[in-house]
Amino acid sequence: MTDHDLRDWYLRYVAALNAHEFDGMDQFIADRVLLNGEPGTRADVLAVQRHDVDAVPDLHWEIQEMLFDRDRIAIRAINTGTPVTEWLGVPPSGASFEIVEYAIYRVADGRFTQMTALHDSAELRRRLTA
């Protein structure tokens, strides 16, 4: 894929995430992936994504920056939402959050084979309990 194709493909992935449309993720995520450095499957990724959206029904990703290097993508995004159930060990309080996420991906044959996401979970917990 060219950088332009990869950009369009990734933005379709984020649109599906924001619409909470997980049934079509096989077009984006390989059967086997390296998830945050650990071997996993598409089902593992989807379990995490579904769990997050169940706890934070208005969870939203807004892409701020995207960088491409052949088969790799680096993203800086703003994640927002309001948990309605316990999430990350914090009971729901009505508090919303806005936090920066950095993500690094590797793509092969048109699907993610490596997915790494980083955010300051201590800061996220602080915002939810403030």
C-alpha atoms as a PDB file:
ATOM      1  CA  MET A   1       0.000   0.000   0.000  1.00  0.00           C
ATOM      2  CA  THR A   2       1.123   3.537  -0.658  1.00  0.00           C
ATOM      3  CA  ASP A   3       1.148   6.020   2.230  1.00  0.00           C
ATOM      4  CA  HIS A   4      -2.068   7.521   0.816  1.00  0.00           C
ATOM      5  CA  ASP A   5      -3.743   4.092   0.620  1.00  0.00           C
ATOM      6  CA  LEU A   6      -2.553   3.239   4.126  1.00  0.00           C
ATOM      7  CA  ARG A   7      -3.879   6.559   5.431  1.00  0.00           C
ATOM      8  CA  ASP A   8      -7.314   5.991   3.897  1.00  0.00           C
ATOM      9  CA  TRP A   9      -7.367   2.392   5.148  1.00  0.00           C
ATOM     10  CA  TYR A  10      -6.431   3.476   8.684  1.00  0.00           C
ATOM     11  CA  LEU A  11      -9.071   6.219   8.722  1.00  0.00           C
ATOM     12  CA  ARG A  12     -11.676   3.600   7.729  1.00  0.00           C
ATOM     13  CA  TYR A  13     -10.492   1.510  10.697  1.00  0.00           C
ATOM     14  CA  VAL A  14     -10.881   4.468  13.094  1.00  0.00           C
ATOM     15  CA  ALA A  15     -14.325   5.253  11.650  1.00  0.00           C
ATOM     16  CA  ALA A  16     -15.356   1.643  12.392  1.00  0.00           C
ATOM     17  CA  LEU A  17     -13.951   1.966  15.930  1.00  0.00           C
ATOM     18  CA  ASN A  18     -15.839   5.200  16.518  1.00  0.00           C
ATOM     19  CA  ALA A  19     -19.046   3.619  15.191  1.00  0.00           C
ATOM     20  CA  HIS A  20     -18.340   0.618  17.453  1.00  0.00           C
ATOM     21  CA  GLU A  21     -18.664  -1.676  14.440  1.00  0.00           C
ATOM     22  CA  PHE A  22     -16.576  -4.662  15.462  1.00  0.00           C
ATOM     23  CA  ASP A  23     -18.081  -7.310  13.179  1.00  0.00           C
ATOM     24  CA  GLY A  24     -16.047  -6.199  10.141  1.00  0.00           C
ATOM     25  CA  MET A  25     -12.677  -5.971  11.887  1.00  0.00           C
ATOM     26  CA  ASP A  26     -11.345  -8.995  10.012  1.00  0.00           C
ATOM     27  CA  GLN A  27     -10.661  -6.588   7.138  1.00  0.00           C
ATOM     28  CA  PHE A  28      -8.290  -4.650   9.407  1.00  0.00           C
ATOM     29  CA  ILE A  29      -6.824  -7.102  11.935  1.00  0.00           C
ATOM     30  CA  ALA A  30      -4.930 -10.266  11.017  1.00  0.00           C
ATOM     31  CA  ASP A  31      -5.941 -13.594  12.556  1.00  0.00           C
ATOM     32  CA  ARG A  32      -2.756 -13.570  14.667  1.00  0.00           C
ATOM     33  CA  VAL A  33      -1.263 -10.351  16.003  1.00  0.00           C
ATOM     34  CA  LEU A  34       1.396  -9.124  18.354  1.00  0.00           C
ATOM     35  CA  LEU A  35      -0.713  -7.089  20.797  1.00  0.00           C
ATOM     36  CA  ASN A  36       1.297  -4.759  23.040  1.00  0.00           C
ATOM     37  CA  GLY A  37       4.269  -7.095  22.637  1.00  0.00           C
ATOM     38  CA  GLU A  38       2.359 -10.309  23.394  1.00  0.00           C
ATOM     39  CA  PRO A  39       1.177 -12.920  20.876  1.00  0.00           C
ATOM     40  CA  GLY A  40      -2.572 -12.758  20.415  1.00  0.00           C
ATOM     41  CA  THR A  41      -5.455 -13.154  18.039  1.00  0.00           C
ATOM     42  CA  ARG A  42      -8.015 -10.899  16.416  1.00  0.00           C
ATOM     43  CA  ALA A  43     -10.478 -12.220  19.015  1.00  0.00           C
ATOM     44  CA  ASP A  44      -8.165 -10.947  21.781  1.00  0.00           C
ATOM     45  CA  VAL A  45      -8.049  -7.469  20.227  1.00  0.00           C
ATOM     46  CA  LEU A  46     -11.819  -7.418  19.780  1.00  0.00           C
ATOM     47  CA  ALA A  47     -12.373  -8.548  23.375  1.00  0.00           C
ATOM     48  CA  VAL A  48     -10.375  -5.543  24.606  1.00  0.00           C
ATOM     49  CA  GLN A  49     -12.149  -3.144  22.248  1.00  0.00           C
ATOM     50  CA  ARG A  50     -15.609  -4.471  23.142  1.00  0.00           C
ATOM     51  CA  HIS A  51     -14.836  -4.371  26.867  1.00  0.00           C
ATOM     52  CA  ASP A  52     -13.740  -0.738  26.598  1.00  0.00           C
ATOM     53  CA  VAL A  53     -16.845   0.269  24.640  1.00  0.00           C
ATOM     54  CA  ASP A  54     -19.139  -1.628  27.011  1.00  0.00           C
ATOM     55  CA  ALA A  55     -17.657   0.363  29.908  1.00  0.00           C
ATOM     56  CA  VAL A  56     -17.398   3.633  27.944  1.00  0.00           C
ATOM     57  CA  PRO A  57     -20.248   3.654  25.377  1.00  0.00           C
ATOM     58  CA  ASP A  58     -19.267   7.077  24.028  1.00  0.00           C
ATOM     59  CA  LEU A  59     -15.567   6.162  23.654  1.00  0.00           C
ATOM     60  CA  HIS A  60     -14.175   8.168  20.746  1.00  0.00           C
ATOM     61  CA  TRP A  61     -10.794   8.338  19.003  1.00  0.00           C
ATOM     62  CA  GLU A  62      -9.770  11.570  17.298  1.00  0.00           C
ATOM     63  CA  ILE A  63      -6.608  11.320  15.225  1.00  0.00           C
ATOM     64  CA  GLN A  64      -4.244  14.256  15.722  1.00  0.00           C
ATOM     65  CA  GLU A  65      -1.141  13.036  13.878  1.00  0.00           C
ATOM     66  CA  MET A  66      -0.313  10.139  11.573  1.00  0.00           C
ATOM     67  CA  LEU A  67       3.108   9.063  10.357  1.00  0.00           C
ATOM     68  CA  PHE A  68       3.878   6.312   7.868  1.00  0.00           C
ATOM     69  CA  ASP A  69       7.077   4.371   7.249  1.00  0.00           C
ATOM     70  CA  ARG A  70       6.573   1.590   4.692  1.00  0.00           C
ATOM     71  CA  ASP A  71       4.553  -1.016   6.634  1.00  0.00           C
ATOM     72  CA  ARG A  72       4.382   0.945   9.892  1.00  0.00           C
ATOM     73  CA  ILE A  73       1.938   3.540  11.173  1.00  0.00           C
ATOM     74  CA  ALA A  74       2.412   5.828  14.172  1.00  0.00           C
ATOM     75  CA  ILE A  75      -0.571   7.702  15.589  1.00  0.00           C
ATOM     76  CA  ARG A  76      -1.222  10.350  18.190  1.00  0.00           C
ATOM     77  CA  ALA A  77      -4.902  10.433  19.096  1.00  0.00           C
ATOM     78  CA  ILE A  78      -7.137  12.038  21.679  1.00  0.00           C
ATOM     79  CA  ASN A  79      -9.443   9.538  23.378  1.00  0.00           C
ATOM     80  CA  THR A  80     -12.573  10.806  25.119  1.00  0.00           C
ATOM     81  CA  GLY A  81     -15.497   9.255  26.918  1.00  0.00           C
ATOM     82  CA  THR A  82     -17.519   8.818  30.071  1.00  0.00           C
ATOM     83  CA  PRO A  83     -17.466   5.403  31.778  1.00  0.00           C
ATOM     84  CA  VAL A  84     -20.853   4.013  32.823  1.00  0.00           C
ATOM     85  CA  THR A  85     -19.506   0.918  34.572  1.00  0.00           C
ATOM     86  CA  GLU A  86     -16.323   0.194  36.493  1.00  0.00           C
ATOM     87  CA  TRP A  87     -13.381   0.653  34.161  1.00  0.00           C
ATOM     88  CA  LEU A  88      -9.671   0.359  34.905  1.00  0.00           C
ATOM     89  CA  GLY A  89     -10.599  -0.315  38.515  1.00  0.00           C
ATOM     90  CA  VAL A  90     -12.510   2.957  38.879  1.00  0.00           C
ATOM     91  CA  PRO A  91     -16.260   2.960  39.571  1.00  0.00           C
ATOM     92  CA  PRO A  92     -18.353   5.254  37.361  1.00  0.00           C
ATOM     93  CA  SER A  93     -18.782   8.746  38.787  1.00  0.00           C
ATOM     94  CA  GLY A  94     -20.126  10.641  35.796  1.00  0.00           C
ATOM     95  CA  ALA A  95     -16.626  12.033  35.176  1.00  0.00           C
ATOM     96  CA  SER A  96     -15.464  12.187  31.576  1.00  0.00           C
ATOM     97  CA  PHE A  97     -11.904  11.937  30.362  1.00  0.00           C
ATOM     98  CA  GLU A  98      -9.724  13.214  27.561  1.00  0.00           C
ATOM     99  CA  ILE A  99      -6.354  11.540  27.223  1.00  0.00           C
ATOM    100  CA  VAL A 100      -3.600  11.253  24.639  1.00  0.00           C
ATOM    101  CA  GLU A 101      -2.933   7.828  23.127  1.00  0.00           C
ATOM    102  CA  TYR A 102       0.113   6.902  21.086  1.00  0.00           C
ATOM    103  CA  ALA A 103      -0.215   3.857  18.870  1.00  0.00           C
ATOM    104  CA  ILE A 104       2.235   2.023  16.648  1.00  0.00           C
ATOM    105  CA  TYR A 105       1.136  -0.549  14.107  1.00  0.00           C
ATOM    106  CA  ARG A 106       2.686  -2.870  11.556  1.00  0.00           C
ATOM    107  CA  VAL A 107       0.612  -3.832   8.522  1.00  0.00           C
ATOM    108  CA  ALA A 108       1.134  -6.879   6.294  1.00  0.00           C
ATOM    109  CA  ASP A 109      -1.149  -8.037   3.508  1.00  0.00           C
ATOM    110  CA  GLY A 110      -3.568  -5.223   4.291  1.00  0.00           C
ATOM    111  CA  ARG A 111      -4.090  -6.041   7.982  1.00  0.00           C
ATOM    112  CA  PHE A 112      -2.538  -5.203  11.329  1.00  0.00           C
ATOM    113  CA  THR A 113       0.006  -7.777  12.461  1.00  0.00           C
ATOM    114  CA  GLN A 114       1.355  -5.710  15.353  1.00  0.00           C
ATOM    115  CA  MET A 115      -0.668  -3.309  17.491  1.00  0.00           C
ATOM    116  CA  THR A 116       0.787  -1.308  20.367  1.00  0.00           C
ATOM    117  CA  ALA A 117      -1.112   1.410  22.223  1.00  0.00           C
ATOM    118  CA  LEU A 118       0.281   3.597  24.991  1.00  0.00           C
ATOM    119  CA  HIS A 119      -1.454   6.058  27.281  1.00  0.00           C
ATOM    120  CA  ASP A 120      -0.932   7.339  30.799  1.00  0.00           C
ATOM    121  CA  SER A 121      -3.351   5.090  32.711  1.00  0.00           C
ATOM    122  CA  ALA A 122      -2.433   6.723  36.042  1.00  0.00           C
ATOM    123  CA  GLU A 123      -3.468  10.106  34.627  1.00  0.00           C
ATOM    124  CA  LEU A 124      -6.630   8.550  33.216  1.00  0.00           C
ATOM    125  CA  ARG A 125      -7.537   7.112  36.637  1.00  0.00           C
ATOM    126  CA  ARG A 126      -6.790  10.485  38.244  1.00  0.00           C
ATOM    127  CA  ARG A 127      -9.153  12.248  35.870  1.00  0.00           C
ATOM    128  CA  LEU A 128     -11.905   9.721  36.526  1.00  0.00           C
ATOM    129  CA  THR A 129     -11.624  10.061  40.306  1.00  0.00           C
ATOM    130  CA  ALA A 130     -11.073  13.861  40.475  1.00  0.00           C
END
